Amino acid sequence: MDKYTKTVLAVIAFALVLIATQNVITPAKARGEDCGWNQYNPCYVKLVP
């Protein structure tokens, strides 16, 4: 492999590590008007076909 290919693969690997650790550092939270502000008041999603 040449230097360019190694650099591109290293950048891709670094980006994948950042994506994988993103929720560990800042967990995702639901946003809504009256839901999701604690674990006892969850948000519900209705799927409409």
C-alpha atoms as a PDB file:
ATOM      1  CA  MET A   1       0.000   0.000   0.000  1.00  0.00           C
ATOM      2  CA  ASP A   2       1.216   3.460  -0.742  1.00  0.00           C
ATOM      3  CA  LYS A   3       1.289   6.384   1.681  1.00  0.00           C
ATOM      4  CA  TYR A   4      -1.928   7.944   0.319  1.00  0.00           C
ATOM      5  CA  THR A   5      -3.952   4.751   0.822  1.00  0.00           C
ATOM      6  CA  LYS A   6      -2.645   4.320   4.370  1.00  0.00           C
ATOM      7  CA  THR A   7      -3.548   7.918   5.183  1.00  0.00           C
ATOM      8  CA  VAL A   8      -7.067   7.568   3.804  1.00  0.00           C
ATOM      9  CA  LEU A   9      -7.624   4.321   5.711  1.00  0.00           C
ATOM     10  CA  ALA A  10      -6.297   5.899   8.909  1.00  0.00           C
ATOM     11  CA  VAL A  11      -8.717   8.836   8.541  1.00  0.00           C
ATOM     12  CA  ILE A  12     -11.628   6.445   7.971  1.00  0.00           C
ATOM     13  CA  ALA A  13     -10.620   4.352  10.994  1.00  0.00           C
ATOM     14  CA  PHE A  14     -10.345   7.454  13.169  1.00  0.00           C
ATOM     15  CA  ALA A  15     -13.794   8.643  12.057  1.00  0.00           C
ATOM     16  CA  LEU A  16     -15.300   5.231  12.847  1.00  0.00           C
ATOM     17  CA  VAL A  17     -13.778   5.300  16.339  1.00  0.00           C
ATOM     18  CA  LEU A  18     -15.260   8.755  16.925  1.00  0.00           C
ATOM     19  CA  ILE A  19     -18.697   7.581  15.796  1.00  0.00           C
ATOM     20  CA  ALA A  20     -18.503   4.464  17.973  1.00  0.00           C
ATOM     21  CA  THR A  21     -17.538   6.394  21.112  1.00  0.00           C
ATOM     22  CA  GLN A  22     -19.919   9.312  20.570  1.00  0.00           C
ATOM     23  CA  ASN A  23     -22.770   7.864  22.666  1.00  0.00           C
ATOM     24  CA  VAL A  24     -20.404   6.831  25.452  1.00  0.00           C
ATOM     25  CA  ILE A  25     -19.243  10.402  25.945  1.00  0.00           C
ATOM     26  CA  THR A  26     -22.600  12.145  25.458  1.00  0.00           C
ATOM     27  CA  PRO A  27     -25.570   9.765  25.624  1.00  0.00           C
ATOM     28  CA  ALA A  28     -28.445  10.467  23.278  1.00  0.00           C
ATOM     29  CA  LYS A  29     -31.596  11.872  24.859  1.00  0.00           C
ATOM     30  CA  ALA A  30     -35.109  12.079  23.547  1.00  0.00           C
ATOM     31  CA  ARG A  31     -36.534  15.528  22.964  1.00  0.00           C
ATOM     32  CA  GLY A  32     -40.184  16.365  23.099  1.00  0.00           C
ATOM     33  CA  GLU A  33     -42.668  18.679  24.672  1.00  0.00           C
ATOM     34  CA  ASP A  34     -43.772  16.655  27.692  1.00  0.00           C
ATOM     35  CA  CYS A  35     -41.791  13.476  27.289  1.00  0.00           C
ATOM     36  CA  GLY A  36     -38.303  12.229  27.762  1.00  0.00           C
ATOM     37  CA  TRP A  37     -37.242  14.488  30.597  1.00  0.00           C
ATOM     38  CA  ASN A  38     -36.750  11.485  32.888  1.00  0.00           C
ATOM     39  CA  GLN A  39     -36.895   7.701  32.690  1.00  0.00           C
ATOM     40  CA  TYR A  40     -40.443   7.551  34.072  1.00  0.00           C
ATOM     41  CA  ASN A  41     -41.921   9.749  31.355  1.00  0.00           C
ATOM     42  CA  PRO A  42     -40.756   8.161  28.071  1.00  0.00           C
ATOM     43  CA  CYS A  43     -41.534   9.339  24.559  1.00  0.00           C
ATOM     44  CA  TYR A  44     -43.549   7.029  22.339  1.00  0.00           C
ATOM     45  CA  VAL A  45     -43.344   6.869  18.565  1.00  0.00           C
ATOM     46  CA  LYS A  46     -46.312   5.756  16.486  1.00  0.00           C
ATOM     47  CA  LEU A  47     -45.515   4.226  13.125  1.00  0.00           C
ATOM     48  CA  VAL A  48     -48.162   4.903  10.505  1.00  0.00           C
ATOM     49  CA  PRO A  49     -48.172   2.622   7.449  1.00  0.00           C
END
